[in-house]
Amino acid sequence: MRVFITGVSSGIGFELAKLYLEKGDEVVGVSRREVELPIKHFKLDISNFREVAKLENLGNFDLAILNAGILNRIDSLSKTTFEEIEEVMKVNVWANKEIIDRIDAKQIVAISSGASVNGNKGWGSYSLSKATLNMLIKLYATEKVDTHFTSLAPGVIETPMLNSVLDSDEVEFPSIRYLKDVQKFSPKESAQILSKTFPKLLKYSSGSFLDIREMN
């Protein structure tokens, strides 16, 4: 199997790449930092769309996992600048559009979030970006009918991005207190769960948004 993964230098991207390599699959990965894995690797910043143009003529993939994303700070939307929102949208949405336009895959899974639908205070730019990502995937499902698309919320994973939130003392935002108490998975545990979940997504309609915590 040929697998394409963004954000392979850390977190679940790294663990997924490692897992598929252990299974004997061919992995092509993208990240801003170097990665010590025997994969075909593109070191680039996906927010720079000129760099994304390097992802041409890569051949066909069985599975593409659009995992890379950023959070930005937790704050009220009224206190969030347009520039901050734009930065998050470039990475979490528009970079994925650029990538989808350049790769061929039987199945594309975009890592989304429960924040795309729950509208919790403080998650403004991140929630907006993930909600837009869900619609981006739904729209592409109507255009690229030979590819199965899903946007998938993977649950709560202990990543540097999450830890930056948990280190906050912002009592104004109840979701932070919730995240401190809820069950969390390590990136390695999450990669195991996700790798078993991806094939199951094919039984759902292409373009669906799914939350792994609500799937049977």
Protein backbone atom coordinates (compact mmCIF):
# COMPACT_ATOMS: atom_id res chain seq x y z
CA MET A 1 0.00 0.00 0.00
CA ARG A 2 1.17 3.55 -0.74
CA VAL A 3 0.37 6.10 1.97
CA PHE A 4 0.73 9.90 1.92
CA ILE A 5 0.85 11.73 5.27
CA THR A 6 1.31 15.40 6.19
CA GLY A 7 2.83 16.48 9.48
CA VAL A 8 5.10 13.42 9.85
CA SER A 9 7.80 14.98 12.03
CA SER A 10 5.87 14.58 15.31
CA GLY A 11 2.63 13.48 16.97
CA ILE A 12 0.19 11.17 15.24
CA GLY A 13 1.69 11.92 11.82
CA PHE A 14 5.03 10.49 12.92
CA GLU A 15 3.43 7.50 14.64
CA LEU A 16 1.22 6.74 11.63
CA ALA A 17 4.21 6.89 9.28
CA LYS A 18 6.16 4.58 11.59
CA LEU A 19 3.23 2.16 11.88
CA TYR A 20 2.70 1.88 8.12
CA LEU A 21 6.43 1.36 7.59
CA GLU A 22 6.36 -1.50 10.10
CA LYS A 23 3.53 -3.04 8.07
CA GLY A 24 5.71 -2.91 4.95
CA ASP A 25 3.86 -0.07 3.27
CA GLU A 26 5.48 2.71 1.23
CA VAL A 27 5.14 6.09 2.93
CA VAL A 28 5.52 9.56 1.44
CA GLY A 29 5.59 12.26 4.09
CA VAL A 30 5.52 16.05 4.38
CA SER A 31 6.64 18.22 7.30
CA ARG A 32 8.49 21.43 8.08
CA ARG A 33 11.19 19.56 9.99
CA GLU A 34 13.37 16.63 9.03
CA VAL A 35 12.15 13.20 10.07
CA GLU A 36 14.30 10.21 10.97
CA LEU A 37 12.26 7.59 9.15
CA PRO A 38 13.09 5.71 5.93
CA ILE A 39 10.38 7.40 3.89
CA LYS A 40 10.27 9.62 0.85
CA HIS A 41 10.13 12.97 2.61
CA PHE A 42 9.36 16.51 1.46
CA LYS A 43 10.65 19.16 3.86
CA LEU A 44 8.38 22.11 3.23
CA ASP A 45 6.00 24.57 4.88
CA ILE A 46 2.51 23.78 3.58
CA SER A 47 1.37 27.34 4.39
CA ASN A 48 3.70 28.44 1.56
CA PHE A 49 1.68 27.40 -1.46
CA ARG A 50 4.67 27.77 -3.79
CA GLU A 51 6.39 25.05 -1.81
CA VAL A 52 3.32 22.82 -2.01
CA ALA A 53 3.73 22.95 -5.79
CA LYS A 54 6.67 20.56 -5.30
CA LEU A 55 4.15 17.81 -4.64
CA GLU A 56 3.67 16.94 -8.29
CA ASN A 57 3.82 13.62 -10.14
CA LEU A 58 3.96 11.49 -6.99
CA GLY A 59 1.93 8.68 -8.49
CA ASN A 60 -1.20 7.12 -7.04
CA PHE A 61 -1.81 6.53 -3.34
CA ASP A 62 -4.11 4.07 -1.64
CA LEU A 63 -4.52 6.40 1.33
CA ALA A 64 -3.74 10.09 1.95
CA ILE A 65 -3.91 11.42 5.52
CA LEU A 66 -4.12 15.21 5.78
CA ASN A 67 -2.91 15.48 9.34
CA ALA A 68 -0.87 18.70 9.62
CA GLY A 69 -2.56 21.54 11.47
CA ILE A 70 -2.05 24.41 13.88
CA LEU A 71 -4.12 25.75 16.78
CA ASN A 72 -3.08 29.31 17.61
CA ARG A 73 -3.98 30.82 20.98
CA ILE A 74 -7.22 30.26 22.86
CA ASP A 75 -9.12 33.52 23.18
CA SER A 76 -12.47 35.17 22.52
CA LEU A 77 -13.22 35.60 18.84
CA SER A 78 -13.70 39.33 19.36
CA LYS A 79 -10.09 39.52 20.56
CA THR A 80 -8.71 37.40 17.72
CA THR A 81 -7.21 39.35 14.85
CA PHE A 82 -7.95 38.66 11.21
CA GLU A 83 -4.25 37.94 10.69
CA GLU A 84 -4.39 35.19 13.34
CA ILE A 85 -7.46 33.63 11.70
CA GLU A 86 -5.82 33.85 8.29
CA GLU A 87 -2.70 32.05 9.53
CA VAL A 88 -4.73 29.12 10.88
CA MET A 89 -6.93 28.94 7.76
CA LYS A 90 -3.87 28.78 5.49
CA VAL A 91 -2.53 25.68 7.21
CA ASN A 92 -5.73 23.90 8.24
CA VAL A 93 -7.78 24.55 5.10
CA TRP A 94 -6.16 26.13 2.05
CA ALA A 95 -2.96 24.08 2.20
CA ASN A 96 -5.13 20.97 2.12
CA LYS A 97 -6.91 22.28 -0.98
CA GLU A 98 -3.54 22.75 -2.67
CA ILE A 99 -2.51 19.21 -1.72
CA ILE A 100 -5.78 17.59 -2.81
CA ASP A 101 -5.43 19.31 -6.19
CA ARG A 102 -1.99 17.72 -6.64
CA ILE A 103 -2.31 14.13 -5.48
CA ASP A 104 -4.27 11.12 -6.64
CA ALA A 105 -5.57 8.78 -3.93
CA LYS A 106 -8.26 6.16 -3.56
CA GLN A 107 -9.04 7.44 -0.06
CA ILE A 108 -8.37 10.83 1.53
CA VAL A 109 -8.86 11.39 5.25
CA ALA A 110 -8.57 14.92 6.65
CA ILE A 111 -7.95 15.09 10.39
CA SER A 112 -10.65 17.39 11.73
CA SER A 113 -11.85 18.01 15.29
CA GLY A 114 -14.90 18.04 17.50
CA ALA A 115 -14.19 21.78 17.67
CA SER A 116 -15.56 22.00 14.13
CA VAL A 117 -19.11 21.45 15.40
CA ASN A 118 -19.29 22.19 19.14
CA GLY A 119 -18.63 25.95 19.00
CA ASN A 120 -16.89 26.22 22.36
CA LYS A 121 -15.83 29.66 23.52
CA GLY A 122 -12.16 30.41 22.96
CA TRP A 123 -11.57 28.15 19.96
CA GLY A 124 -12.58 30.72 17.34
CA SER A 125 -9.97 30.49 14.59
CA TYR A 126 -9.39 26.75 15.09
CA SER A 127 -13.12 25.95 15.07
CA LEU A 128 -13.67 28.09 11.98
CA SER A 129 -10.81 26.37 10.17
CA LYS A 130 -11.94 22.84 10.99
CA ALA A 131 -15.58 23.59 10.11
CA THR A 132 -14.38 24.94 6.77
CA LEU A 133 -12.18 21.88 6.31
CA ASN A 134 -15.26 19.67 6.79
CA MET A 135 -17.05 21.54 4.01
CA LEU A 136 -13.96 21.48 1.79
CA ILE A 137 -13.92 17.69 2.06
CA LYS A 138 -17.66 17.47 1.43
CA LEU A 139 -17.35 19.60 -1.70
CA TYR A 140 -14.42 17.63 -3.09
CA ALA A 141 -16.42 14.44 -2.61
CA THR A 142 -18.88 15.77 -5.20
CA GLU A 143 -16.09 16.61 -7.65
CA LYS A 144 -13.56 13.80 -7.34
CA VAL A 145 -15.97 10.89 -7.34
CA ASP A 146 -13.27 8.24 -7.77
CA THR A 147 -11.79 9.21 -4.38
CA HIS A 148 -13.46 8.49 -1.05
CA PHE A 149 -13.25 11.51 1.27
CA THR A 150 -13.75 11.76 5.03
CA SER A 151 -13.06 14.45 7.61
CA LEU A 152 -12.41 12.67 10.88
CA ALA A 153 -12.26 13.91 14.47
CA PRO A 154 -9.69 11.62 16.14
CA GLY A 155 -10.53 12.25 19.79
CA VAL A 156 -8.26 13.90 22.35
CA ILE A 157 -4.58 13.16 21.76
CA GLU A 158 -1.61 14.17 23.90
CA THR A 159 0.32 16.30 21.41
CA PRO A 160 2.42 19.45 21.87
CA MET A 161 -0.53 21.38 20.43
CA LEU A 162 -2.87 20.03 23.11
CA ASN A 163 -0.31 20.47 25.88
CA SER A 164 -0.04 24.16 25.01
CA VAL A 165 -3.75 24.42 25.77
CA LEU A 166 -3.63 22.36 28.96
CA ASP A 167 -0.81 24.53 30.33
CA SER A 168 -3.15 27.51 30.17
CA ASP A 169 -4.75 28.87 33.33
CA GLU A 170 -7.58 30.50 31.40
CA VAL A 171 -10.52 29.70 33.72
CA GLU A 172 -12.71 31.77 31.40
CA PHE A 173 -12.88 28.86 28.96
CA PRO A 174 -14.70 25.76 30.33
CA SER A 175 -13.44 23.58 27.48
CA ILE A 176 -9.91 23.76 28.90
CA ARG A 177 -11.10 22.32 32.21
CA TYR A 178 -12.90 19.59 30.25
CA LEU A 179 -9.77 18.69 28.28
CA LYS A 180 -7.73 18.40 31.46
CA ASP A 181 -10.12 15.77 32.83
CA VAL A 182 -11.17 13.82 29.74
CA GLN A 183 -9.53 10.57 28.59
CA LYS A 184 -6.56 11.22 26.33
CA PHE A 185 -4.52 8.94 24.08
CA SER A 186 -0.84 9.06 23.28
CA PRO A 187 0.08 9.62 19.61
CA LYS A 188 1.16 5.97 19.39
CA GLU A 189 -2.13 4.72 20.81
CA SER A 190 -4.06 7.04 18.52
CA ALA A 191 -2.13 5.86 15.44
CA GLN A 192 -3.10 2.27 16.25
CA ILE A 193 -6.76 3.23 16.60
CA LEU A 194 -6.77 5.39 13.48
CA SER A 195 -5.09 2.80 11.28
CA LYS A 196 -7.87 0.34 12.17
CA THR A 197 -10.53 3.01 11.64
CA PHE A 198 -9.51 4.26 8.18
CA PRO A 199 -10.78 1.15 6.32
CA LYS A 200 -14.10 1.37 8.20
CA LEU A 201 -14.67 4.89 6.87
CA LEU A 202 -15.29 3.49 3.40
CA LYS A 203 -18.72 2.21 4.46
CA TYR A 204 -19.85 5.81 5.09
CA SER A 205 -20.81 8.27 2.37
CA SER A 206 -17.89 10.08 0.77
CA GLY A 207 -17.64 13.60 2.17
CA SER A 208 -18.87 12.67 5.65
CA PHE A 209 -17.65 14.26 8.87
CA LEU A 210 -17.22 11.57 11.54
CA ASP A 211 -16.10 11.61 15.15
CA ILE A 212 -14.15 8.48 16.09
CA ARG A 213 -15.68 8.62 19.58
CA GLU A 214 -19.17 8.16 18.12
CA MET A 215 -18.38 5.35 15.69
CA ASN A 216 -19.26 1.71 16.39
